[in-house]
Amino acid sequence: MTFNRNIYALLLAFFLLGCVSPPENFPSTPQISFEDISYVELDNASDSLIVSVRFQDAEGNLGLNAEDINPPFNPLEYQRDNSGALITYSNRPPEAPNFNPIDWEINPIVNNTPINDTIWVKQNPDFNNIFIKFYIKRDGVFSEFDWSDPPYYTTFNGRFPTILSDNNERAIEGTIQYSMLSSGWRAIFRNDTIRVDVQIQDRTLNKSDIVSSPEVTLNQILK
């Protein structure tokens, strides 16, 4: 079973409103509504779970590109001791976690300097702009299925690209379709009832409300 951590987002359609002043009902904080969830199985390739949300935003400052890696969009925060030195796995303090691919980075480049060691890191949530949580129904009650727990040590949070191609703020609305790739959807969820929660964030770090998919099984949304 393998999981693809290189999650990608597809912006299928968006409608731009070129307004000097945004409409009164367009919020400065992104506003979203749930639109669709579907599941696609492919031969000899990772299967895809796809969620779609409608959005509205007064400034249009939505999306991050590959070059957006400087603070506050840096992917990692490197942990240091009281002297300012990077914390390595061999010299980790008692409160440091055991090795896993989320909390430790092997041979990173820090401040343009290669570090030939394993360094304690914390994931920066603001590196992403779309946040996904999974819930699974057991005995009629939903509980979170946390992908960051063992044995998966992963996340389906990710990025969708910049929507406006210039720096002129204006109100926009449209649909974001976000595809999550994995070869393990069937192995994990089988015939279980699941729910997916979605939230997005703009470049000034304003978060939308959280919206939820309907309760579904993979078979119900298979395309």
N, C-alpha and C. Protein backbone atom coordinates (compact mmCIF):
# COMPACT_ATOMS: atom_id res chain seq x y z
N MET A 1 0.85 -1.20 0.00
CA MET A 1 0.00 0.00 0.00
C MET A 1 0.88 1.24 0.00
N THR A 2 0.66 2.13 -0.92
CA THR A 2 1.45 3.35 -0.99
C THR A 2 0.53 4.55 -1.01
N PHE A 3 1.07 5.66 -0.51
CA PHE A 3 0.31 6.90 -0.47
C PHE A 3 1.14 8.00 -1.10
N ASN A 4 0.53 8.74 -1.98
CA ASN A 4 1.21 9.80 -2.69
C ASN A 4 1.08 11.09 -1.89
N ARG A 5 2.20 11.59 -1.36
CA ARG A 5 2.16 12.82 -0.58
C ARG A 5 2.21 14.05 -1.47
N ASN A 6 2.46 13.85 -2.77
CA ASN A 6 2.49 14.99 -3.70
C ASN A 6 1.07 15.29 -4.17
N ILE A 7 0.27 15.74 -3.24
CA ILE A 7 -1.11 16.05 -3.55
C ILE A 7 -1.14 17.27 -4.46
N TYR A 8 -2.06 17.28 -5.42
CA TYR A 8 -2.14 18.43 -6.29
C TYR A 8 -3.59 18.92 -6.38
N ALA A 9 -3.71 20.17 -6.75
CA ALA A 9 -5.03 20.76 -6.87
C ALA A 9 -5.26 21.19 -8.32
N LEU A 10 -6.48 21.05 -8.79
CA LEU A 10 -6.85 21.49 -10.12
C LEU A 10 -7.92 22.57 -10.01
N LEU A 11 -7.61 23.72 -10.53
CA LEU A 11 -8.61 24.78 -10.59
C LEU A 11 -9.31 24.65 -11.92
N LEU A 12 -10.50 24.07 -11.91
CA LEU A 12 -11.18 23.78 -13.16
C LEU A 12 -11.86 25.00 -13.74
N ALA A 13 -12.45 25.81 -12.89
CA ALA A 13 -13.21 26.94 -13.42
C ALA A 13 -13.32 28.02 -12.37
N PHE A 14 -13.25 29.26 -12.82
CA PHE A 14 -13.54 30.35 -11.91
C PHE A 14 -14.05 31.52 -12.72
N PHE A 15 -14.92 32.29 -12.10
CA PHE A 15 -15.54 33.42 -12.76
C PHE A 15 -15.07 34.68 -12.07
N LEU A 16 -14.41 35.58 -12.81
CA LEU A 16 -13.84 36.78 -12.22
C LEU A 16 -14.79 37.96 -12.40
N LEU A 17 -14.96 38.69 -11.32
CA LEU A 17 -15.77 39.89 -11.34
C LEU A 17 -14.84 41.10 -11.27
N GLY A 18 -14.70 41.84 -12.32
CA GLY A 18 -13.83 42.99 -12.34
C GLY A 18 -14.53 44.20 -11.78
N CYS A 19 -14.43 44.38 -10.46
CA CYS A 19 -15.18 45.43 -9.79
C CYS A 19 -14.23 46.38 -9.07
N VAL A 20 -14.52 47.65 -9.13
CA VAL A 20 -13.77 48.61 -8.33
C VAL A 20 -14.04 48.36 -6.86
N SER A 21 -15.30 48.14 -6.52
CA SER A 21 -15.69 47.78 -5.16
C SER A 21 -16.36 46.42 -5.22
N PRO A 22 -15.97 45.49 -4.35
CA PRO A 22 -16.58 44.17 -4.40
C PRO A 22 -18.04 44.24 -4.01
N PRO A 23 -18.86 43.33 -4.50
CA PRO A 23 -20.26 43.30 -4.10
C PRO A 23 -20.38 43.18 -2.59
N GLU A 24 -21.45 43.72 -2.06
CA GLU A 24 -21.62 43.72 -0.62
C GLU A 24 -21.63 42.32 -0.03
N ASN A 25 -22.08 41.35 -0.82
CA ASN A 25 -22.19 40.00 -0.27
C ASN A 25 -20.93 39.17 -0.49
N PHE A 26 -19.87 39.79 -1.03
CA PHE A 26 -18.61 39.08 -1.17
C PHE A 26 -17.75 39.36 0.06
N PRO A 27 -17.34 38.31 0.78
CA PRO A 27 -16.62 38.51 2.03
C PRO A 27 -15.13 38.73 1.81
N SER A 28 -14.49 39.43 2.74
CA SER A 28 -13.04 39.57 2.72
C SER A 28 -12.38 38.26 3.11
N THR A 29 -12.96 37.57 4.07
CA THR A 29 -12.52 36.21 4.40
C THR A 29 -13.16 35.26 3.40
N PRO A 30 -12.39 34.32 2.85
CA PRO A 30 -12.97 33.42 1.84
C PRO A 30 -14.23 32.71 2.35
N GLN A 31 -15.18 32.60 1.46
CA GLN A 31 -16.43 31.89 1.79
C GLN A 31 -16.57 30.73 0.83
N ILE A 32 -16.85 29.54 1.37
CA ILE A 32 -16.96 28.36 0.51
C ILE A 32 -18.24 27.59 0.83
N SER A 33 -18.66 26.81 -0.15
CA SER A 33 -19.78 25.88 0.03
C SER A 33 -19.40 24.57 -0.65
N PHE A 34 -19.83 23.47 -0.07
CA PHE A 34 -19.47 22.17 -0.63
C PHE A 34 -20.26 21.92 -1.90
N GLU A 35 -19.57 21.41 -2.93
CA GLU A 35 -20.22 21.18 -4.21
C GLU A 35 -20.30 19.70 -4.59
N ASP A 36 -19.19 18.94 -4.45
CA ASP A 36 -19.23 17.57 -4.95
C ASP A 36 -18.08 16.76 -4.36
N ILE A 37 -18.27 15.45 -4.30
CA ILE A 37 -17.20 14.51 -3.97
C ILE A 37 -17.35 13.30 -4.89
N SER A 38 -16.22 12.84 -5.44
CA SER A 38 -16.27 11.69 -6.35
C SER A 38 -15.00 10.87 -6.17
N TYR A 39 -15.07 9.63 -6.68
CA TYR A 39 -13.97 8.69 -6.53
C TYR A 39 -13.72 8.04 -7.89
N VAL A 40 -12.46 8.04 -8.32
CA VAL A 40 -12.09 7.51 -9.63
C VAL A 40 -11.01 6.46 -9.43
N GLU A 41 -11.25 5.25 -9.93
CA GLU A 41 -10.25 4.19 -9.89
C GLU A 41 -9.60 4.05 -11.26
N LEU A 42 -8.28 3.92 -11.26
CA LEU A 42 -7.53 3.83 -12.51
C LEU A 42 -6.67 2.57 -12.51
N ASP A 43 -6.54 1.95 -13.67
CA ASP A 43 -5.66 0.80 -13.81
C ASP A 43 -4.20 1.27 -13.84
N ASN A 44 -3.36 0.59 -13.07
CA ASN A 44 -1.93 0.86 -13.06
C ASN A 44 -1.59 2.30 -12.69
N ALA A 45 -2.43 2.90 -11.83
CA ALA A 45 -2.17 4.27 -11.38
C ALA A 45 -2.87 4.48 -10.05
N SER A 46 -2.49 5.54 -9.36
CA SER A 46 -3.14 5.86 -8.09
C SER A 46 -4.59 6.25 -8.33
N ASP A 47 -5.46 5.81 -7.43
CA ASP A 47 -6.86 6.21 -7.49
C ASP A 47 -7.00 7.63 -6.95
N SER A 48 -8.11 8.26 -7.27
CA SER A 48 -8.28 9.67 -6.96
C SER A 48 -9.59 9.92 -6.24
N LEU A 49 -9.51 10.56 -5.10
CA LEU A 49 -10.69 11.06 -4.38
C LEU A 49 -10.73 12.56 -4.61
N ILE A 50 -11.83 13.05 -5.16
CA ILE A 50 -11.90 14.43 -5.63
C ILE A 50 -13.00 15.17 -4.90
N VAL A 51 -12.65 16.33 -4.31
CA VAL A 51 -13.65 17.18 -3.69
C VAL A 51 -13.70 18.51 -4.44
N SER A 52 -14.90 19.06 -4.54
CA SER A 52 -15.10 20.35 -5.20
C SER A 52 -15.83 21.29 -4.26
N VAL A 53 -15.33 22.52 -4.19
CA VAL A 53 -15.99 23.55 -3.37
C VAL A 53 -16.16 24.82 -4.20
N ARG A 54 -17.27 25.48 -3.98
CA ARG A 54 -17.49 26.82 -4.54
C ARG A 54 -16.89 27.84 -3.60
N PHE A 55 -16.33 28.92 -4.17
CA PHE A 55 -15.73 29.95 -3.33
C PHE A 55 -16.15 31.34 -3.79
N GLN A 56 -16.10 32.27 -2.86
CA GLN A 56 -16.24 33.71 -3.12
C GLN A 56 -15.21 34.43 -2.27
N ASP A 57 -14.60 35.48 -2.83
CA ASP A 57 -13.62 36.24 -2.07
C ASP A 57 -13.57 37.66 -2.61
N ALA A 58 -13.55 38.64 -1.72
CA ALA A 58 -13.63 40.05 -2.13
C ALA A 58 -12.35 40.54 -2.78
N GLU A 59 -11.19 40.07 -2.31
CA GLU A 59 -9.92 40.58 -2.83
C GLU A 59 -9.31 39.69 -3.90
N GLY A 60 -9.72 38.45 -3.97
CA GLY A 60 -9.15 37.54 -4.95
C GLY A 60 -7.75 37.06 -4.60
N ASN A 61 -7.35 37.21 -3.36
CA ASN A 61 -5.98 36.81 -2.97
C ASN A 61 -5.95 35.35 -2.53
N LEU A 62 -6.32 34.50 -3.46
CA LEU A 62 -6.37 33.07 -3.20
C LEU A 62 -5.32 32.35 -4.05
N GLY A 63 -4.71 31.34 -3.46
CA GLY A 63 -3.77 30.50 -4.19
C GLY A 63 -2.32 30.75 -3.83
N LEU A 64 -1.51 29.70 -3.95
CA LEU A 64 -0.07 29.76 -3.72
C LEU A 64 0.62 29.03 -4.85
N ASN A 65 1.76 29.56 -5.27
CA ASN A 65 2.53 28.94 -6.33
C ASN A 65 3.76 28.25 -5.76
N ALA A 66 4.47 27.51 -6.59
CA ALA A 66 5.61 26.72 -6.12
C ALA A 66 6.69 27.59 -5.50
N GLU A 67 6.85 28.82 -5.97
CA GLU A 67 7.91 29.68 -5.45
C GLU A 67 7.54 30.34 -4.13
N ASP A 68 6.30 30.17 -3.67
CA ASP A 68 5.87 30.76 -2.40
C ASP A 68 6.31 29.87 -1.25
N ILE A 69 7.59 29.99 -0.87
CA ILE A 69 8.14 29.15 0.20
C ILE A 69 8.82 29.98 1.29
N ASN A 70 8.78 31.30 1.16
CA ASN A 70 9.32 32.16 2.20
C ASN A 70 8.25 32.41 3.26
N PRO A 71 8.67 32.76 4.51
CA PRO A 71 7.67 33.03 5.55
C PRO A 71 6.63 34.04 5.07
N PRO A 72 5.35 33.82 5.37
CA PRO A 72 4.82 32.80 6.29
C PRO A 72 4.49 31.47 5.62
N PHE A 73 4.95 31.27 4.37
CA PHE A 73 4.57 30.07 3.61
C PHE A 73 5.68 29.02 3.59
N ASN A 74 6.67 29.15 4.45
CA ASN A 74 7.74 28.16 4.52
C ASN A 74 7.17 26.81 4.95
N PRO A 75 7.66 25.71 4.38
CA PRO A 75 7.07 24.41 4.68
C PRO A 75 7.39 23.89 6.08
N LEU A 76 8.59 24.20 6.58
CA LEU A 76 9.04 23.60 7.84
C LEU A 76 9.57 24.67 8.79
N GLU A 77 9.48 24.36 10.08
CA GLU A 77 10.12 25.16 11.12
C GLU A 77 11.15 24.27 11.81
N TYR A 78 12.41 24.61 11.67
CA TYR A 78 13.49 23.79 12.21
C TYR A 78 13.65 24.07 13.70
N GLN A 79 13.63 23.01 14.48
CA GLN A 79 13.68 23.15 15.93
C GLN A 79 15.13 23.31 16.40
N ARG A 80 15.31 24.22 17.37
CA ARG A 80 16.65 24.53 17.88
C ARG A 80 16.68 24.44 19.40
N ASP A 81 17.87 24.23 19.94
CA ASP A 81 18.01 24.19 21.39
C ASP A 81 18.21 25.61 21.93
N ASN A 82 18.47 25.72 23.24
CA ASN A 82 18.59 27.03 23.87
C ASN A 82 19.77 27.83 23.35
N SER A 83 20.75 27.17 22.79
CA SER A 83 21.90 27.87 22.23
C SER A 83 21.70 28.28 20.78
N GLY A 84 20.56 27.86 20.20
CA GLY A 84 20.27 28.19 18.81
C GLY A 84 20.71 27.13 17.82
N ALA A 85 21.27 26.03 18.32
CA ALA A 85 21.73 24.97 17.42
C ALA A 85 20.56 24.09 17.00
N LEU A 86 20.62 23.60 15.76
CA LEU A 86 19.61 22.68 15.28
C LEU A 86 19.61 21.41 16.13
N ILE A 87 18.41 20.88 16.38
CA ILE A 87 18.29 19.66 17.18
C ILE A 87 18.35 18.46 16.24
N THR A 88 19.35 17.64 16.43
CA THR A 88 19.52 16.44 15.61
C THR A 88 18.90 15.24 16.31
N TYR A 89 18.69 14.18 15.53
CA TYR A 89 18.06 12.99 16.12
C TYR A 89 18.97 12.34 17.17
N SER A 90 20.27 12.37 16.94
CA SER A 90 21.20 11.75 17.89
C SER A 90 21.30 12.53 19.19
N ASN A 91 20.96 13.82 19.15
CA ASN A 91 21.03 14.67 20.35
C ASN A 91 19.65 15.20 20.74
N ARG A 92 18.62 14.44 20.44
CA ARG A 92 17.26 14.91 20.70
C ARG A 92 16.97 14.93 22.20
N PRO A 93 16.17 15.89 22.67
CA PRO A 93 15.77 15.94 24.07
C PRO A 93 14.69 14.91 24.35
N PRO A 94 14.40 14.64 25.61
CA PRO A 94 13.41 13.60 25.95
C PRO A 94 12.04 13.85 25.36
N GLU A 95 11.65 15.11 25.21
CA GLU A 95 10.30 15.41 24.70
C GLU A 95 10.18 15.29 23.19
N ALA A 96 11.28 15.08 22.50
CA ALA A 96 11.24 14.95 21.04
C ALA A 96 10.60 13.62 20.65
N PRO A 97 9.87 13.60 19.53
CA PRO A 97 9.24 12.35 19.09
C PRO A 97 10.26 11.37 18.53
N ASN A 98 9.88 10.11 18.49
CA ASN A 98 10.69 9.12 17.79
C ASN A 98 10.69 9.44 16.30
N PHE A 99 11.61 8.81 15.58
CA PHE A 99 11.72 9.12 14.16
C PHE A 99 10.44 8.79 13.41
N ASN A 100 10.02 9.72 12.59
CA ASN A 100 8.94 9.52 11.63
C ASN A 100 9.10 10.59 10.56
N PRO A 101 8.51 10.40 9.37
CA PRO A 101 8.76 11.32 8.26
C PRO A 101 8.05 12.66 8.37
N ILE A 102 7.25 12.87 9.41
CA ILE A 102 6.62 14.18 9.61
C ILE A 102 7.47 15.06 10.52
N ASP A 103 8.01 14.48 11.60
CA ASP A 103 8.70 15.26 12.61
C ASP A 103 10.21 15.35 12.41
N TRP A 104 10.73 14.58 11.47
CA TRP A 104 12.18 14.61 11.25
C TRP A 104 12.49 14.74 9.76
N GLU A 105 13.48 15.56 9.46
CA GLU A 105 13.88 15.82 8.07
C GLU A 105 15.33 15.37 7.89
N ILE A 106 15.55 14.52 6.89
CA ILE A 106 16.89 13.98 6.64
C ILE A 106 17.63 14.87 5.63
N ASN A 107 18.82 15.29 6.00
CA ASN A 107 19.72 16.08 5.13
C ASN A 107 19.01 17.29 4.52
N PRO A 108 18.42 18.14 5.36
CA PRO A 108 17.75 19.32 4.80
C PRO A 108 18.74 20.40 4.38
N ILE A 109 18.22 21.39 3.67
CA ILE A 109 18.98 22.60 3.38
C ILE A 109 18.37 23.71 4.23
N VAL A 110 19.15 24.25 5.16
CA VAL A 110 18.68 25.27 6.09
C VAL A 110 19.44 26.56 5.84
N ASN A 111 18.72 27.61 5.50
CA ASN A 111 19.36 28.90 5.19
C ASN A 111 20.44 28.73 4.12
N ASN A 112 20.08 27.96 3.08
CA ASN A 112 20.95 27.71 1.92
C ASN A 112 22.18 26.87 2.26
N THR A 113 22.19 26.24 3.43
CA THR A 113 23.31 25.41 3.83
C THR A 113 22.87 23.96 3.97
N PRO A 114 23.48 23.03 3.23
CA PRO A 114 23.13 21.61 3.40
C PRO A 114 23.52 21.11 4.79
N ILE A 115 22.61 20.41 5.44
CA ILE A 115 22.87 19.83 6.75
C ILE A 115 22.85 18.31 6.60
N ASN A 116 23.98 17.67 6.79
CA ASN A 116 24.08 16.22 6.63
C ASN A 116 23.74 15.53 7.95
N ASP A 117 22.47 15.62 8.31
CA ASP A 117 22.02 15.02 9.56
C ASP A 117 20.49 14.95 9.51
N THR A 118 19.91 14.39 10.55
CA THR A 118 18.46 14.30 10.67
C THR A 118 18.00 15.32 11.70
N ILE A 119 17.14 16.26 11.28
CA ILE A 119 16.80 17.43 12.07
C ILE A 119 15.33 17.38 12.48
N TRP A 120 15.08 17.75 13.73
CA TRP A 120 13.72 17.85 14.26
C TRP A 120 13.02 19.04 13.62
N VAL A 121 11.84 18.84 13.07
CA VAL A 121 11.10 19.91 12.41
C VAL A 121 9.65 19.89 12.88
N LYS A 122 9.00 20.99 12.66
CA LYS A 122 7.55 21.07 12.81
C LYS A 122 6.98 21.57 11.49
N GLN A 123 5.90 20.94 11.06
CA GLN A 123 5.25 21.34 9.82
C GLN A 123 4.57 22.70 10.02
N ASN A 124 4.76 23.60 9.07
CA ASN A 124 4.10 24.90 9.12
C ASN A 124 2.76 24.79 8.43
N PRO A 125 1.64 24.90 9.15
CA PRO A 125 0.34 24.74 8.51
C PRO A 125 0.08 25.78 7.42
N ASP A 126 0.71 26.96 7.52
CA ASP A 126 0.46 28.01 6.53
C ASP A 126 1.18 27.77 5.22
N PHE A 127 1.96 26.70 5.13
CA PHE A 127 2.52 26.30 3.83
C PHE A 127 1.39 25.88 2.89
N ASN A 128 0.32 25.34 3.45
CA ASN A 128 -0.82 24.89 2.66
C ASN A 128 -1.93 25.94 2.63
N ASN A 129 -2.83 25.79 1.67
CA ASN A 129 -3.99 26.68 1.64
C ASN A 129 -5.32 25.95 1.48
N ILE A 130 -5.27 24.62 1.48
CA ILE A 130 -6.50 23.83 1.52
C ILE A 130 -6.28 22.72 2.54
N PHE A 131 -7.24 22.56 3.42
CA PHE A 131 -7.10 21.68 4.57
C PHE A 131 -8.22 20.65 4.55
N ILE A 132 -7.82 19.39 4.66
CA ILE A 132 -8.75 18.28 4.51
C ILE A 132 -8.72 17.41 5.78
N LYS A 133 -9.89 17.12 6.31
CA LYS A 133 -10.00 16.16 7.41
C LYS A 133 -10.96 15.06 7.01
N PHE A 134 -10.61 13.83 7.39
CA PHE A 134 -11.43 12.66 7.10
C PHE A 134 -12.09 12.16 8.38
N TYR A 135 -13.32 11.72 8.23
CA TYR A 135 -14.05 11.13 9.35
C TYR A 135 -14.66 9.82 8.89
N ILE A 136 -14.64 8.82 9.78
CA ILE A 136 -15.17 7.50 9.47
C ILE A 136 -16.23 7.15 10.50
N LYS A 137 -17.31 6.53 10.02
CA LYS A 137 -18.45 6.25 10.89
C LYS A 137 -18.32 4.84 11.47
N ARG A 138 -18.36 4.77 12.80
CA ARG A 138 -18.31 3.50 13.50
C ARG A 138 -19.45 3.48 14.52
N ASP A 139 -20.31 2.46 14.45
CA ASP A 139 -21.44 2.34 15.37
C ASP A 139 -22.27 3.62 15.41
N GLY A 140 -22.46 4.22 14.22
CA GLY A 140 -23.31 5.39 14.10
C GLY A 140 -22.68 6.70 14.51
N VAL A 141 -21.39 6.69 14.87
CA VAL A 141 -20.71 7.90 15.34
C VAL A 141 -19.48 8.15 14.48
N PHE A 142 -19.30 9.41 14.04
CA PHE A 142 -18.12 9.77 13.26
C PHE A 142 -16.95 10.09 14.19
N SER A 143 -15.77 9.60 13.83
CA SER A 143 -14.54 9.98 14.51
C SER A 143 -13.49 10.27 13.44
N GLU A 144 -12.55 11.16 13.77
CA GLU A 144 -11.56 11.57 12.78
C GLU A 144 -10.61 10.43 12.45
N PHE A 145 -10.35 10.25 11.17
CA PHE A 145 -9.32 9.34 10.69
C PHE A 145 -8.09 10.20 10.43
N ASP A 146 -7.13 10.16 11.35
CA ASP A 146 -5.98 11.08 11.31
C ASP A 146 -4.84 10.44 10.53
N TRP A 147 -4.57 10.97 9.34
CA TRP A 147 -3.53 10.42 8.48
C TRP A 147 -2.13 10.64 9.04
N SER A 148 -1.97 11.60 9.95
CA SER A 148 -0.64 11.85 10.50
C SER A 148 -0.22 10.80 11.52
N ASP A 149 -1.17 9.99 11.98
CA ASP A 149 -0.85 8.92 12.92
C ASP A 149 -0.14 7.77 12.20
N PRO A 150 0.58 6.91 12.97
CA PRO A 150 1.15 5.71 12.34
C PRO A 150 0.03 4.79 11.88
N PRO A 151 0.22 4.04 10.80
CA PRO A 151 1.48 3.87 10.08
C PRO A 151 1.64 4.79 8.88
N TYR A 152 0.74 5.77 8.72
CA TYR A 152 0.72 6.52 7.47
C TYR A 152 1.65 7.74 7.49
N TYR A 153 1.64 8.50 8.58
CA TYR A 153 2.51 9.67 8.70
C TYR A 153 2.43 10.56 7.46
N THR A 154 1.24 10.95 7.12
CA THR A 154 1.07 11.78 5.94
C THR A 154 -0.06 12.78 6.18
N THR A 155 -0.38 13.54 5.18
CA THR A 155 -1.48 14.50 5.24
C THR A 155 -2.05 14.67 3.84
N PHE A 156 -3.33 15.01 3.79
CA PHE A 156 -3.93 15.36 2.50
C PHE A 156 -4.20 16.85 2.41
N ASN A 157 -3.66 17.63 3.34
CA ASN A 157 -3.64 19.08 3.14
C ASN A 157 -2.73 19.39 1.96
N GLY A 158 -2.97 20.50 1.30
CA GLY A 158 -2.15 20.82 0.15
C GLY A 158 -2.34 22.25 -0.32
N ARG A 159 -2.04 22.47 -1.60
CA ARG A 159 -2.10 23.81 -2.19
C ARG A 159 -2.92 23.79 -3.48
N PHE A 160 -3.63 24.86 -3.71
CA PHE A 160 -4.14 25.13 -5.05
C PHE A 160 -3.45 26.40 -5.55
N PRO A 161 -3.25 26.53 -6.86
CA PRO A 161 -2.43 27.63 -7.39
C PRO A 161 -3.14 28.97 -7.35
N THR A 162 -2.33 30.02 -7.53
CA THR A 162 -2.85 31.38 -7.57
C THR A 162 -3.91 31.51 -8.65
N ILE A 163 -5.00 32.15 -8.30
CA ILE A 163 -6.12 32.27 -9.23
C ILE A 163 -5.95 33.48 -10.14
N LEU A 164 -5.67 34.64 -9.57
CA LEU A 164 -5.47 35.84 -10.39
C LEU A 164 -4.03 35.88 -10.90
N SER A 165 -3.86 36.28 -12.14
CA SER A 165 -2.54 36.32 -12.75
C SER A 165 -1.85 37.67 -12.56
N ASP A 166 -2.51 38.62 -11.89
CA ASP A 166 -1.91 39.92 -11.63
C ASP A 166 -2.15 40.27 -10.17
N ASN A 167 -1.65 41.44 -9.76
CA ASN A 167 -1.76 41.87 -8.37
C ASN A 167 -2.93 42.82 -8.13
N ASN A 168 -3.81 42.95 -9.11
CA ASN A 168 -4.97 43.83 -8.95
C ASN A 168 -6.07 43.11 -8.20
N GLU A 169 -6.31 43.52 -6.96
CA GLU A 169 -7.33 42.87 -6.16
C GLU A 169 -8.71 43.12 -6.74
N ARG A 170 -9.52 42.07 -6.78
CA ARG A 170 -10.89 42.20 -7.23
C ARG A 170 -11.67 40.97 -6.77
N ALA A 171 -12.96 41.12 -6.72
CA ALA A 171 -13.81 40.03 -6.25
C ALA A 171 -13.83 38.89 -7.26
N ILE A 172 -13.77 37.68 -6.74
CA ILE A 172 -13.81 36.50 -7.60
C ILE A 172 -14.71 35.44 -6.99
N GLU A 173 -15.20 34.57 -7.85
CA GLU A 173 -15.92 33.40 -7.38
C GLU A 173 -15.69 32.28 -8.39
N GLY A 174 -15.87 31.06 -7.96
CA GLY A 174 -15.65 29.94 -8.86
C GLY A 174 -15.64 28.63 -8.12
N THR A 175 -15.02 27.63 -8.72
CA THR A 175 -14.98 26.29 -8.16
C THR A 175 -13.54 25.80 -8.09
N ILE A 176 -13.16 25.27 -6.96
CA ILE A 176 -11.87 24.59 -6.80
C ILE A 176 -12.15 23.10 -6.74
N GLN A 177 -11.50 22.35 -7.61
CA GLN A 177 -11.58 20.89 -7.58
C GLN A 177 -10.23 20.36 -7.14
N TYR A 178 -10.23 19.60 -6.07
CA TYR A 178 -8.99 19.16 -5.44
C TYR A 178 -8.93 17.64 -5.46
N SER A 179 -7.88 17.11 -6.07
CA SER A 179 -7.75 15.67 -6.28
C SER A 179 -6.69 15.10 -5.35
N MET A 180 -7.05 14.06 -4.61
CA MET A 180 -6.14 13.42 -3.66
C MET A 180 -5.84 12.01 -4.15
N LEU A 181 -4.55 11.73 -4.37
CA LEU A 181 -4.14 10.48 -5.00
C LEU A 181 -3.65 9.48 -3.97
N SER A 182 -4.08 8.24 -4.11
CA SER A 182 -3.61 7.15 -3.26
C SER A 182 -3.98 5.82 -3.88
N SER A 183 -3.17 4.81 -3.61
CA SER A 183 -3.51 3.45 -4.02
C SER A 183 -4.19 2.69 -2.89
N GLY A 184 -4.46 3.39 -1.77
CA GLY A 184 -4.97 2.70 -0.61
C GLY A 184 -6.38 3.03 -0.19
N TRP A 185 -7.12 3.79 -1.00
CA TRP A 185 -8.48 4.17 -0.58
C TRP A 185 -9.34 2.94 -0.29
N ARG A 186 -9.33 1.99 -1.21
CA ARG A 186 -10.16 0.79 -1.04
C ARG A 186 -9.70 -0.05 0.15
N ALA A 187 -8.40 -0.18 0.29
CA ALA A 187 -7.87 -1.03 1.36
C ALA A 187 -8.25 -0.49 2.74
N ILE A 188 -8.34 0.82 2.87
CA ILE A 188 -8.61 1.42 4.17
C ILE A 188 -10.11 1.56 4.42
N PHE A 189 -10.83 2.14 3.46
CA PHE A 189 -12.23 2.49 3.73
C PHE A 189 -13.24 1.44 3.28
N ARG A 190 -12.88 0.59 2.33
CA ARG A 190 -13.75 -0.51 1.92
C ARG A 190 -15.19 -0.02 1.73
N ASN A 191 -16.11 -0.54 2.55
CA ASN A 191 -17.53 -0.13 2.46
C ASN A 191 -17.92 0.81 3.58
N ASP A 192 -16.94 1.41 4.25
CA ASP A 192 -17.24 2.31 5.36
C ASP A 192 -17.92 3.58 4.88
N THR A 193 -18.69 4.17 5.77
CA THR A 193 -19.26 5.49 5.54
C THR A 193 -18.25 6.53 6.01
N ILE A 194 -17.94 7.47 5.12
CA ILE A 194 -16.96 8.50 5.45
C ILE A 194 -17.55 9.89 5.19
N ARG A 195 -16.87 10.88 5.76
CA ARG A 195 -17.19 12.28 5.51
C ARG A 195 -15.88 13.04 5.39
N VAL A 196 -15.86 14.04 4.53
CA VAL A 196 -14.66 14.85 4.33
C VAL A 196 -14.99 16.30 4.65
N ASP A 197 -14.17 16.93 5.48
CA ASP A 197 -14.30 18.36 5.78
C ASP A 197 -13.24 19.13 5.00
N VAL A 198 -13.62 20.31 4.51
CA VAL A 198 -12.72 21.12 3.69
C VAL A 198 -12.71 22.56 4.21
N GLN A 199 -11.53 23.15 4.20
CA GLN A 199 -11.36 24.56 4.55
C GLN A 199 -10.26 25.13 3.66
N ILE A 200 -10.38 26.40 3.27
CA ILE A 200 -9.32 27.04 2.49
C ILE A 200 -8.82 28.28 3.22
N GLN A 201 -7.69 28.80 2.76
CA GLN A 201 -7.06 29.96 3.39
C GLN A 201 -6.53 30.89 2.31
N ASP A 202 -6.66 32.21 2.52
CA ASP A 202 -6.12 33.15 1.53
C ASP A 202 -4.68 33.52 1.90
N ARG A 203 -4.07 34.39 1.10
CA ARG A 203 -2.65 34.70 1.30
C ARG A 203 -2.40 35.64 2.48
N THR A 204 -3.45 36.20 3.04
CA THR A 204 -3.29 36.95 4.28
C THR A 204 -3.66 36.09 5.48
N LEU A 205 -3.76 34.78 5.25
CA LEU A 205 -3.97 33.76 6.29
C LEU A 205 -5.36 33.80 6.90
N ASN A 206 -6.32 34.36 6.17
CA ASN A 206 -7.72 34.29 6.60
C ASN A 206 -8.29 32.94 6.19
N LYS A 207 -8.85 32.22 7.14
CA LYS A 207 -9.42 30.91 6.86
C LYS A 207 -10.93 31.01 6.64
N SER A 208 -11.41 30.22 5.69
CA SER A 208 -12.85 30.11 5.47
C SER A 208 -13.48 29.29 6.58
N ASP A 209 -14.80 29.23 6.58
CA ASP A 209 -15.49 28.26 7.41
C ASP A 209 -15.17 26.85 6.90
N ILE A 210 -15.46 25.86 7.73
CA ILE A 210 -15.29 24.46 7.34
C ILE A 210 -16.60 23.96 6.75
N VAL A 211 -16.51 23.32 5.58
CA VAL A 211 -17.70 22.73 4.97
C VAL A 211 -17.50 21.22 4.88
N SER A 212 -18.60 20.48 4.91
CA SER A 212 -18.55 19.03 4.96
C SER A 212 -19.22 18.40 3.75
N SER A 213 -18.68 17.28 3.33
CA SER A 213 -19.32 16.49 2.29
C SER A 213 -20.50 15.75 2.88
N PRO A 214 -21.38 15.20 2.04
CA PRO A 214 -22.39 14.27 2.56
C PRO A 214 -21.72 13.02 3.11
N GLU A 215 -22.46 12.22 3.85
CA GLU A 215 -21.99 10.91 4.28
C GLU A 215 -22.04 9.98 3.06
N VAL A 216 -20.89 9.37 2.72
CA VAL A 216 -20.82 8.56 1.50
C VAL A 216 -19.98 7.32 1.73
N THR A 217 -20.14 6.36 0.83
CA THR A 217 -19.19 5.27 0.69
C THR A 217 -18.48 5.44 -0.65
N LEU A 218 -17.35 4.78 -0.83
CA LEU A 218 -16.64 4.88 -2.10
C LEU A 218 -17.49 4.38 -3.26
N ASN A 219 -18.24 3.34 -3.04
CA ASN A 219 -19.08 2.82 -4.11
C ASN A 219 -20.15 3.84 -4.54
N GLN A 220 -20.66 4.61 -3.60
CA GLN A 220 -21.71 5.58 -3.91
C GLN A 220 -21.20 6.72 -4.79
N ILE A 221 -19.91 7.03 -4.69
CA ILE A 221 -19.37 8.18 -5.45
C ILE A 221 -18.42 7.74 -6.56
N LEU A 222 -18.38 6.45 -6.84
CA LEU A 222 -17.49 5.93 -7.89
C LEU A 222 -17.92 6.44 -9.25
N LYS A 223 -16.95 6.97 -10.00
CA LYS A 223 -17.22 7.48 -11.36
C LYS A 223 -16.67 6.54 -12.40
